Structure formats: C-alpha cells, structure tokens
C-alpha cells in the first residue's frame, strides 16, 4: 500500500481532464473518456452524434466551452451533471451538497466514503472519471480530492485554462526526476521565460503583431489544438508555434459558434507579460499628457481587435427569417391592399412592388390569411 502523494493526484487529474478536452478537440487518442463522460458531453450538447455512425463531433457550444477558463469549464460540466442527475431520479440536494463539499475539502487528504448517501456514492464514481477525485482500487472506501476539485473555489485569475493549469501541475511533478532530466526540462523551458525579468511565463503565452502574425510559447498539444480553432498555424518548434490570424481562420471560428468577443478575450487573457506591460506603459504616458483621458488598457493592437470585429460584422450582414412569401396576385390593387395591411400590423419583412410579392413573418401569416378570407366573404 504505497502512500498517495500530490504527484500521483496531480498526474491523475491532468490525465483525466486533458483526455476529455483532447477528445473534444479531436486529437487522436490512445484512450477515450469513459461512457459516463461521453453521456455528459451529449447531454450538455457540447458534443453530438455525427450522422449515422456512433462517432461524436463537437458542437458550437463545445467550441465556446474550450475557450473558457478551467474553473468555468468545471462548473459548466457540473451544472449539466446536476440537470442530468434530475432525469436519472438522483436527489438534486444530495448532488449539490456533494459538489460544494468537494470544493471545501483539503487537497491531498484522504476522506472516508462510508457515510455518503447512495446518490453521493454514485457521484463519487463519476467525479473520478472527471478527475476531481482519486480512489485506490485496493480501497474504495477512501477518496482524495484533486487539484481540479480545489479549483471549484479558487481564483480564476491564477489559473486561466485547463491546459495551463495542467501543465503547471505536471511541471511540479518533474521536480521528482533525476538531475539530468530536470536540467533538460529547464533548458527546454528557457524559451517560455521572460528574458527581462527571468520570470516564468505561463504555457500558452502569446504575442500578436499589427500584421496579424501570432507567436505562442507552448508545446502543449491541447493549447495548440485550441489555438488552431481561430488561427492559421504555419510552423511548430520545440516550445513555440507561429501562425497568422486571417479572414478565413476567423470566419471558420465564427461558423463554429465562437464569437469575435470570445476570440479577443482569449487573446487578451493569454497575452505575453511583455505585451501587458507595454500597454500599461502606454496608458500611463497618455494619463501624464491628459489626466482626463478616458482610454482603457489596450493589450492587443487596436487594428487586430477592430478587424476581428469587422470580420464578424461581414457575416452579420445577412439575417434569415422564417416566414411565408405571397405572390401571384390577380391585380396590383389586391397586392397593394394585402402588403399595406401586413405592414400596418407589423408582420411585413420584405416586399417587391415591381414583381408584386411580399414576405411576412411566420407568426403573422395566419393574420394575413384571415384578412384575405374576410375580404373574400
């Protein structure tokens, strides 16, 4: 009976959580999440069955989910778990109690599962699949909360993404390796350091230039896969990937349900500390010149932010409406009466006087037909 160390808990949590996110992104995996996890992804509409086969594909909500910070991701899944639990006749009060209890437990400490209700014992197995708790196969009467469970009540500013959180966890475990391995790891991590201060830069820190070129200091497959959702990646090195934010890459993301504001927020959240410091210095200079300046901190180049929003506006130019088209009128007078009536009651969406046709909303169709019937009588 070997003791359960923080290294074991962190590696277990990282393996479980990253497996879920990699599966959603579509990374080829040697192992897939459990059936319980797959059912939750379906129920939460983060993934759906692809055509007639049994494969799952990510949905628009799933793409948005990937761009959230890890705390929001965990809570999103747990809230969907609560809704699913109600359909499975599980006591929602027991479910909520157990979720809040998990967030309050001490990290790395063993807790007894004997006093748990039947609902909570079922939850314990599910939470194990999500990586929130760990149990030794030799003793299922004890469970250990992992770092993911501690994130339920942690500050979101300290851990921005699941990939960043898990990579920081895995870097902590590397301290137990021999000196040669640690030296090699440190040599590889040199690229991801701030050269001016010597501070470690979080995995995934990125720089974006006014010409839309992007550099991300990351060797995490998950971080790179998420970045590829809205960036055209060009080169990959040991600790860095380069790419270009293009009209096509942004439009692809927009079609997948990711909004321009989400992309901008993701870029700002993962901006390199040098970009953040430069933005703060520029803002300070503006305040020195004009104390009444009302500008806010602009971490990203304004040209990039504006262009991403403009690309979204391109898609927003066309709006679709469900409704009915009226055409083939016997006379222009009949067309004029009906189109005017539709406009007066506020259901007319479009009309073409030359071709004598107009389009009304789905809700207003019955009102126009009733008006036609009254006129014919």
Protein backbone atom coordinates (compact mmCIF):
# COMPACT_ATOMS: atom_id res chain seq x y z
CA UNK A 1 0.00 0.00 0.00
CA UNK A 2 2.06 2.92 -1.30
CA UNK A 3 1.07 6.37 0.01
CA UNK A 4 -0.98 8.67 -2.24
CA UNK A 5 1.24 11.68 -2.93
CA UNK A 6 0.43 15.04 -4.51
CA UNK A 7 2.36 13.91 -7.58
CA UNK A 8 0.03 10.95 -8.07
CA UNK A 9 -3.07 13.12 -7.58
CA UNK A 10 -1.85 15.80 -10.00
CA UNK A 11 -0.90 13.31 -12.68
CA UNK A 12 -4.24 11.54 -12.33
CA UNK A 13 -6.24 14.79 -12.56
CA UNK A 14 -4.19 16.00 -15.52
CA UNK A 15 -4.64 12.72 -17.37
CA UNK A 16 -8.41 12.60 -16.87
CA UNK A 17 -9.15 16.25 -17.65
CA UNK A 18 -6.82 16.55 -20.64
CA UNK A 19 -8.28 13.34 -22.08
CA UNK A 20 -11.75 14.95 -22.05
CA UNK A 21 -10.57 18.18 -23.71
CA UNK A 22 -8.40 16.38 -26.27
CA UNK A 23 -11.37 14.19 -27.18
CA UNK A 24 -13.49 17.28 -27.75
CA UNK A 25 -10.87 18.96 -29.92
CA UNK A 26 -10.50 15.78 -31.97
CA UNK A 27 -6.91 14.90 -31.11
CA UNK A 28 -6.14 11.23 -31.94
CA UNK A 29 -6.10 9.47 -28.57
CA UNK A 30 -4.89 6.08 -27.41
CA UNK A 31 -7.69 6.08 -24.84
CA UNK A 32 -11.10 7.73 -24.80
CA UNK A 33 -13.14 9.11 -21.87
CA UNK A 34 -15.49 6.76 -20.05
CA UNK A 35 -19.12 6.23 -21.10
CA UNK A 36 -20.23 8.42 -18.17
CA UNK A 37 -18.20 11.32 -19.56
CA UNK A 38 -19.46 10.77 -23.11
CA UNK A 39 -23.08 10.74 -21.90
CA UNK A 40 -22.50 14.03 -20.08
CA UNK A 41 -20.95 15.62 -23.19
CA UNK A 42 -24.01 14.53 -25.18
CA UNK A 43 -26.48 15.69 -22.54
CA UNK A 44 -24.78 19.08 -22.22
CA UNK A 45 -24.82 19.43 -26.05
CA UNK A 46 -21.08 20.05 -26.08
CA UNK A 47 -20.84 17.13 -28.50
CA UNK A 48 -23.36 15.32 -30.69
CA UNK A 49 -23.57 12.14 -32.76
CA UNK A 50 -22.10 12.57 -36.21
CA UNK A 51 -24.56 11.40 -38.88
CA UNK A 52 -25.46 7.74 -38.74
CA UNK A 53 -22.27 6.50 -37.12
CA UNK A 54 -21.55 6.41 -33.41
CA UNK A 55 -18.76 8.99 -33.55
CA UNK A 56 -19.17 12.22 -31.63
CA UNK A 57 -18.42 15.65 -33.07
CA UNK A 58 -18.03 18.92 -31.26
CA UNK A 59 -20.89 21.46 -31.35
CA UNK A 60 -20.93 25.28 -31.35
CA UNK A 61 -21.38 25.20 -27.57
CA UNK A 62 -18.40 22.84 -27.38
CA UNK A 63 -16.14 25.28 -29.20
CA UNK A 64 -17.18 28.04 -26.83
CA UNK A 65 -16.57 25.70 -23.88
CA UNK A 66 -12.95 25.13 -24.98
CA UNK A 67 -12.19 28.86 -24.79
CA UNK A 68 -13.37 29.18 -21.17
CA UNK A 69 -11.00 29.13 -18.21
CA UNK A 70 -10.74 25.85 -16.34
CA UNK A 71 -12.95 26.95 -13.42
CA UNK A 72 -15.77 27.87 -15.78
CA UNK A 73 -15.32 24.58 -17.65
CA UNK A 74 -15.59 22.51 -14.48
CA UNK A 75 -18.66 24.40 -13.29
CA UNK A 76 -20.27 24.11 -16.73
CA UNK A 77 -19.92 20.34 -16.64
CA UNK A 78 -21.09 20.06 -13.02
CA UNK A 79 -24.19 22.19 -13.66
CA UNK A 80 -25.03 20.00 -16.65
CA UNK A 81 -24.38 16.97 -14.43
CA UNK A 82 -26.94 18.38 -11.97
CA UNK A 83 -29.54 18.64 -14.76
CA UNK A 84 -28.75 15.13 -15.95
CA UNK A 85 -28.95 13.80 -12.38
CA UNK A 86 -32.54 15.04 -12.11
CA UNK A 87 -33.53 12.97 -15.16
CA UNK A 88 -31.86 9.94 -13.54
CA UNK A 89 -34.00 10.36 -10.40
CA UNK A 90 -31.00 11.41 -8.30
CA UNK A 91 -31.67 13.73 -5.38
CA UNK A 92 -30.55 17.22 -6.56
CA UNK A 93 -29.98 18.35 -2.97
CA UNK A 94 -27.55 15.47 -2.40
CA UNK A 95 -25.81 16.29 -5.68
CA UNK A 96 -25.36 19.97 -4.77
CA UNK A 97 -24.20 19.13 -1.26
CA UNK A 98 -21.52 16.82 -2.60
CA UNK A 99 -20.30 19.36 -5.19
CA UNK A 100 -19.96 22.11 -2.59
CA UNK A 101 -18.36 19.69 -0.16
CA UNK A 102 -15.73 18.77 -2.74
CA UNK A 103 -14.69 22.40 -3.12
CA UNK A 104 -14.23 22.73 0.65
CA UNK A 105 -12.10 19.62 1.20
CA UNK A 106 -8.37 19.82 1.91
CA UNK A 107 -6.20 18.99 -1.07
CA UNK A 108 -4.33 15.70 -0.81
CA UNK A 109 -6.09 14.49 2.35
CA UNK A 110 -7.93 11.14 2.50
CA UNK A 111 -11.67 11.15 3.28
CA UNK A 112 -14.00 8.29 4.13
CA UNK A 113 -16.77 7.36 1.70
CA UNK A 114 -18.65 5.24 4.24
CA UNK A 115 -21.04 7.98 5.41
CA UNK A 116 -22.04 9.09 1.91
CA UNK A 117 -25.57 8.58 0.60
CA UNK A 118 -26.26 6.27 -2.33
CA UNK A 119 -26.53 9.27 -4.65
CA UNK A 120 -23.19 10.62 -3.47
CA UNK A 121 -21.51 7.22 -3.84
CA UNK A 122 -22.71 7.16 -7.45
CA UNK A 123 -21.38 10.69 -7.88
CA UNK A 124 -18.03 9.62 -6.46
CA UNK A 125 -17.55 7.23 -9.39
CA UNK A 126 -18.50 9.96 -11.88
CA UNK A 127 -16.23 12.56 -10.25
CA UNK A 128 -13.43 10.00 -10.52
CA UNK A 129 -13.95 9.92 -14.31
CA UNK A 130 -13.76 13.73 -14.46
CA UNK A 131 -10.51 13.76 -12.46
CA UNK A 132 -11.94 15.61 -9.45
CA UNK A 133 -11.36 12.75 -7.00
CA UNK A 134 -8.93 9.85 -6.82
CA UNK A 135 -9.53 6.39 -5.34
CA UNK A 136 -7.13 3.50 -4.96
CA UNK A 137 -8.51 0.30 -6.44
CA UNK A 138 -7.44 -1.53 -3.28
CA UNK A 139 -9.52 0.74 -1.01
CA UNK A 140 -12.70 2.24 -2.44
CA UNK A 141 -13.86 3.42 0.98
CA UNK A 142 -11.41 6.33 0.82
CA UNK A 143 -11.21 9.13 -1.71
CA UNK A 144 -8.81 12.02 -2.27
CA UNK A 145 -9.85 15.39 -3.75
CA UNK A 146 -7.52 16.51 -6.55
CA UNK A 147 -6.41 19.94 -7.66
CA UNK A 148 -9.40 20.13 -10.02
CA UNK A 149 -11.74 19.87 -7.02
CA UNK A 150 -9.79 22.64 -5.29
CA UNK A 151 -10.32 24.83 -8.40
CA UNK A 152 -14.06 24.89 -7.67
CA UNK A 153 -13.43 27.62 -5.11
CA UNK A 154 -10.13 29.02 -6.42
CA UNK A 155 -9.39 32.38 -8.03
CA UNK A 156 -9.89 32.19 -11.80
CA UNK A 157 -7.13 34.73 -12.37
CA UNK A 158 -4.50 32.32 -11.08
CA UNK A 159 -5.42 29.53 -13.49
CA UNK A 160 -6.60 30.68 -16.88
CA UNK A 161 -7.03 27.50 -18.87
CA UNK A 162 -7.14 23.78 -18.28
CA UNK A 163 -4.04 23.32 -20.39
CA UNK A 164 -2.13 25.96 -18.46
CA UNK A 165 -3.31 24.57 -15.15
CA UNK A 166 -2.43 21.01 -16.03
CA UNK A 167 0.95 21.92 -17.46
CA UNK A 168 1.85 23.83 -14.31
CA UNK A 169 0.82 20.75 -12.35
CA UNK A 170 2.96 18.46 -14.48
CA UNK A 171 5.94 20.81 -14.18
CA UNK A 172 5.70 20.49 -10.41
CA UNK A 173 5.91 16.73 -10.67
CA UNK A 174 9.04 16.99 -12.79
CA UNK A 175 10.92 18.12 -9.67
CA UNK A 176 11.00 14.47 -8.59
CA UNK A 177 13.04 13.42 -11.61
CA UNK A 178 16.78 12.98 -11.61
CA UNK A 179 19.06 15.99 -12.17
CA UNK A 180 19.79 15.24 -15.82
CA UNK A 181 16.10 15.13 -16.73
CA UNK A 182 15.39 18.30 -14.76
CA UNK A 183 18.27 20.07 -16.48
CA UNK A 184 16.94 19.08 -19.88
CA UNK A 185 13.46 20.21 -18.96
CA UNK A 186 14.75 23.56 -17.73
CA UNK A 187 16.68 24.02 -20.96
CA UNK A 188 13.53 23.45 -22.96
CA UNK A 189 11.54 25.82 -20.76
CA UNK A 190 14.01 28.67 -21.29
CA UNK A 191 12.08 29.80 -24.33
CA UNK A 192 8.99 30.28 -22.20
CA UNK A 193 10.72 32.71 -19.85
CA UNK A 194 10.51 36.47 -19.78
CA UNK A 195 14.06 37.47 -20.74
CA UNK A 196 13.95 40.84 -18.99
CA UNK A 197 12.77 39.66 -15.58
CA UNK A 198 13.59 35.96 -15.63
CA UNK A 199 10.03 35.13 -14.54
CA UNK A 200 8.36 32.02 -15.87
CA UNK A 201 5.71 32.74 -18.49
CA UNK A 202 2.58 30.62 -18.36
CA UNK A 203 2.32 27.98 -21.03
CA UNK A 204 0.38 29.36 -23.97
CA UNK A 205 1.51 32.99 -23.57
CA UNK A 206 1.26 34.59 -26.98
CA UNK A 207 2.35 37.64 -28.91
CA UNK A 208 0.30 39.06 -31.77
CA UNK A 209 1.63 41.78 -34.05
CA UNK A 210 -0.13 44.51 -36.04
CA UNK A 211 0.43 42.43 -39.20
CA UNK A 212 -1.68 39.64 -37.59
CA UNK A 213 1.29 37.30 -37.10
CA UNK A 214 0.98 35.29 -33.89
CA UNK A 215 3.62 33.56 -31.75
CA UNK A 216 2.55 31.23 -28.94
CA UNK A 217 5.08 29.92 -26.42
CA UNK A 218 3.61 26.47 -25.93
CA UNK A 219 4.42 22.82 -26.51
CA UNK A 220 1.05 21.61 -25.20
CA UNK A 221 -0.89 19.71 -27.90
CA UNK A 222 -4.14 20.85 -26.30
CA UNK A 223 -3.14 24.51 -26.25
CA UNK A 224 -2.07 24.29 -29.90
CA UNK A 225 -5.28 22.49 -30.89
CA UNK A 226 -7.41 25.20 -29.25
CA UNK A 227 -5.35 27.91 -30.94
CA UNK A 228 -5.93 26.26 -34.32
CA UNK A 229 -9.67 26.89 -33.91
CA UNK A 230 -9.20 30.52 -35.00
CA UNK A 231 -5.56 30.81 -36.15
CA UNK A 232 -3.94 29.53 -39.34
CA UNK A 233 -0.89 27.76 -37.84
CA UNK A 234 2.22 27.74 -40.00
CA UNK A 235 5.24 26.44 -38.05
CA UNK A 236 5.82 24.44 -34.90
CA UNK A 237 9.05 24.41 -32.91
CA UNK A 238 10.09 22.70 -29.67
CA UNK A 239 8.46 25.31 -27.44
CA UNK A 240 6.65 27.64 -29.80
CA UNK A 241 4.13 27.73 -32.64
CA UNK A 242 3.69 30.51 -35.18
CA UNK A 243 0.64 31.36 -37.21
CA UNK A 244 -1.47 34.06 -38.80
CA UNK A 245 -4.89 35.38 -37.88
CA UNK A 246 -6.65 35.52 -41.23
CA UNK A 247 -10.12 36.31 -42.51
CA UNK A 248 -10.65 32.64 -43.34
CA UNK A 249 -9.49 31.38 -39.92
CA UNK A 250 -11.76 33.84 -38.09
CA UNK A 251 -14.73 33.09 -40.35
CA UNK A 252 -14.21 29.36 -39.71
CA UNK A 253 -14.32 30.01 -35.98
CA UNK A 254 -17.40 32.21 -36.32
CA UNK A 255 -19.20 29.49 -38.29
CA UNK A 256 -18.37 27.08 -35.45
CA UNK A 257 -20.15 29.34 -32.96
CA UNK A 258 -17.15 31.17 -31.49
CA UNK A 259 -17.79 34.92 -31.28
CA UNK A 260 -15.35 37.73 -32.01
CA UNK A 261 -15.52 38.86 -28.37
CA UNK A 262 -14.54 35.36 -27.19
CA UNK A 263 -11.54 35.28 -29.53
CA UNK A 264 -10.44 38.75 -28.40
CA UNK A 265 -10.89 37.79 -24.73
CA UNK A 266 -8.84 34.63 -25.24
CA UNK A 267 -6.02 36.58 -26.90
CA UNK A 268 -6.04 39.17 -24.10
CA UNK A 269 -6.08 36.54 -21.36
CA UNK A 270 -3.11 34.72 -22.87
CA UNK A 271 -1.17 37.82 -23.90
CA UNK A 272 2.55 37.72 -23.11
CA UNK A 273 3.51 39.73 -19.99
CA UNK A 274 5.63 41.99 -22.22
CA UNK A 275 2.52 42.98 -24.19
CA UNK A 276 0.65 43.71 -20.98
CA UNK A 277 3.50 45.83 -19.58
CA UNK A 278 3.82 47.74 -22.85
CA UNK A 279 0.08 48.51 -22.82
CA UNK A 280 0.29 49.72 -19.20
CA UNK A 281 3.26 51.99 -20.02
CA UNK A 282 1.43 53.50 -23.00
CA UNK A 283 -1.66 54.15 -20.87
CA UNK A 284 0.45 55.82 -18.15
CA UNK A 285 2.02 58.15 -20.73
CA UNK A 286 -1.43 59.12 -22.01
CA UNK A 287 -2.57 59.90 -18.46
CA UNK A 288 0.52 62.05 -17.93
CA UNK A 289 -0.29 64.08 -21.04
CA UNK A 290 -4.01 64.22 -20.32
CA UNK A 291 -5.21 63.44 -16.76
CA UNK A 292 -8.81 63.38 -18.04
CA UNK A 293 -8.04 60.67 -20.58
CA UNK A 294 -10.81 58.05 -20.62
CA UNK A 295 -8.99 55.36 -22.59
CA UNK A 296 -8.80 51.84 -21.17
CA UNK A 297 -5.96 49.34 -21.22
CA UNK A 298 -5.40 48.04 -24.77
CA UNK A 299 -3.32 44.90 -24.55
CA UNK A 300 -3.87 43.83 -28.15
CA UNK A 301 -3.10 46.01 -31.19
CA UNK A 302 -6.29 48.03 -31.92
CA UNK A 303 -6.04 47.16 -35.62
CA UNK A 304 -6.28 43.44 -34.80
CA UNK A 305 -9.24 43.89 -32.44
CA UNK A 306 -11.14 46.08 -34.89
CA UNK A 307 -10.51 43.76 -37.83
CA UNK A 308 -11.72 40.66 -35.98
CA UNK A 309 -14.94 42.53 -35.13
CA UNK A 310 -15.31 43.67 -38.74
CA UNK A 311 -14.95 40.09 -39.97
CA UNK A 312 -17.83 39.12 -37.69
CA UNK A 313 -19.93 42.03 -38.98
CA UNK A 314 -19.44 40.67 -42.51
CA UNK A 315 -21.32 37.53 -41.50
CA UNK A 316 -23.95 39.52 -39.60
CA UNK A 317 -24.99 41.46 -42.71
CA UNK A 318 -27.38 38.71 -43.75
CA UNK A 319 -30.16 37.70 -41.37
CA UNK A 320 -32.53 34.81 -42.03
CA UNK A 321 -36.19 34.76 -41.02
CA UNK A 322 -38.82 32.03 -41.08
CA UNK A 323 -41.96 33.15 -42.85
CA UNK A 324 -44.20 32.98 -45.93
CA UNK A 325 -43.97 34.51 -49.41
CA UNK A 326 -47.16 35.90 -51.01
CA UNK A 327 -47.12 36.12 -54.81
CA UNK A 328 -49.26 35.63 -57.99
CA UNK A 329 -51.86 38.31 -57.25
CA UNK A 330 -54.74 38.85 -59.68
CA UNK A 331 -54.28 42.61 -59.67
CA UNK A 332 -51.89 45.25 -58.40
CA UNK A 333 -54.68 46.62 -56.23
CA UNK A 334 -55.05 43.29 -54.41
CA UNK A 335 -51.26 43.18 -53.85
CA UNK A 336 -51.27 46.75 -52.58
CA UNK A 337 -54.12 46.12 -50.09
CA UNK A 338 -52.55 42.98 -48.61
CA UNK A 339 -48.99 44.32 -48.42
CA UNK A 340 -50.23 47.53 -46.80
CA UNK A 341 -52.25 45.53 -44.25
CA UNK A 342 -49.21 43.37 -43.46
CA UNK A 343 -47.11 46.47 -42.95
CA UNK A 344 -49.74 48.10 -40.74
CA UNK A 345 -49.92 45.14 -38.34
CA UNK A 346 -46.10 44.87 -38.25
CA UNK A 347 -45.57 41.45 -39.88
CA UNK A 348 -44.17 42.58 -43.25
CA UNK A 349 -40.46 41.69 -43.59
CA UNK A 350 -39.87 42.43 -47.29
CA UNK A 351 -41.74 43.42 -50.45
CA UNK A 352 -41.08 43.89 -54.16
CA UNK A 353 -43.62 46.24 -55.80
CA UNK A 354 -42.40 45.57 -59.34
CA UNK A 355 -42.90 41.79 -59.13
CA UNK A 356 -45.91 42.07 -56.80
CA UNK A 357 -44.73 39.87 -53.98
CA UNK A 358 -44.07 40.29 -50.29
CA UNK A 359 -42.77 38.25 -47.34
CA UNK A 360 -44.37 38.09 -43.89
CA UNK A 361 -43.18 36.60 -40.61
CA UNK A 362 -44.16 33.10 -39.57
CA UNK A 363 -46.25 34.44 -36.70
CA UNK A 364 -48.09 36.97 -38.88
CA UNK A 365 -49.03 34.56 -41.67
CA UNK A 366 -52.31 33.48 -40.04
CA UNK A 367 -53.39 37.11 -39.55
CA UNK A 368 -52.87 37.90 -43.25
CA UNK A 369 -54.76 34.76 -44.33
CA UNK A 370 -57.69 35.64 -42.03
CA UNK A 371 -57.76 39.10 -43.56
CA UNK A 372 -57.90 37.55 -47.08
CA UNK A 373 -60.77 35.31 -46.02
CA UNK A 374 -62.73 38.22 -44.57
CA UNK A 375 -62.25 40.21 -47.78
CA UNK A 376 -63.40 37.30 -49.98
CA UNK A 377 -66.63 36.97 -47.95
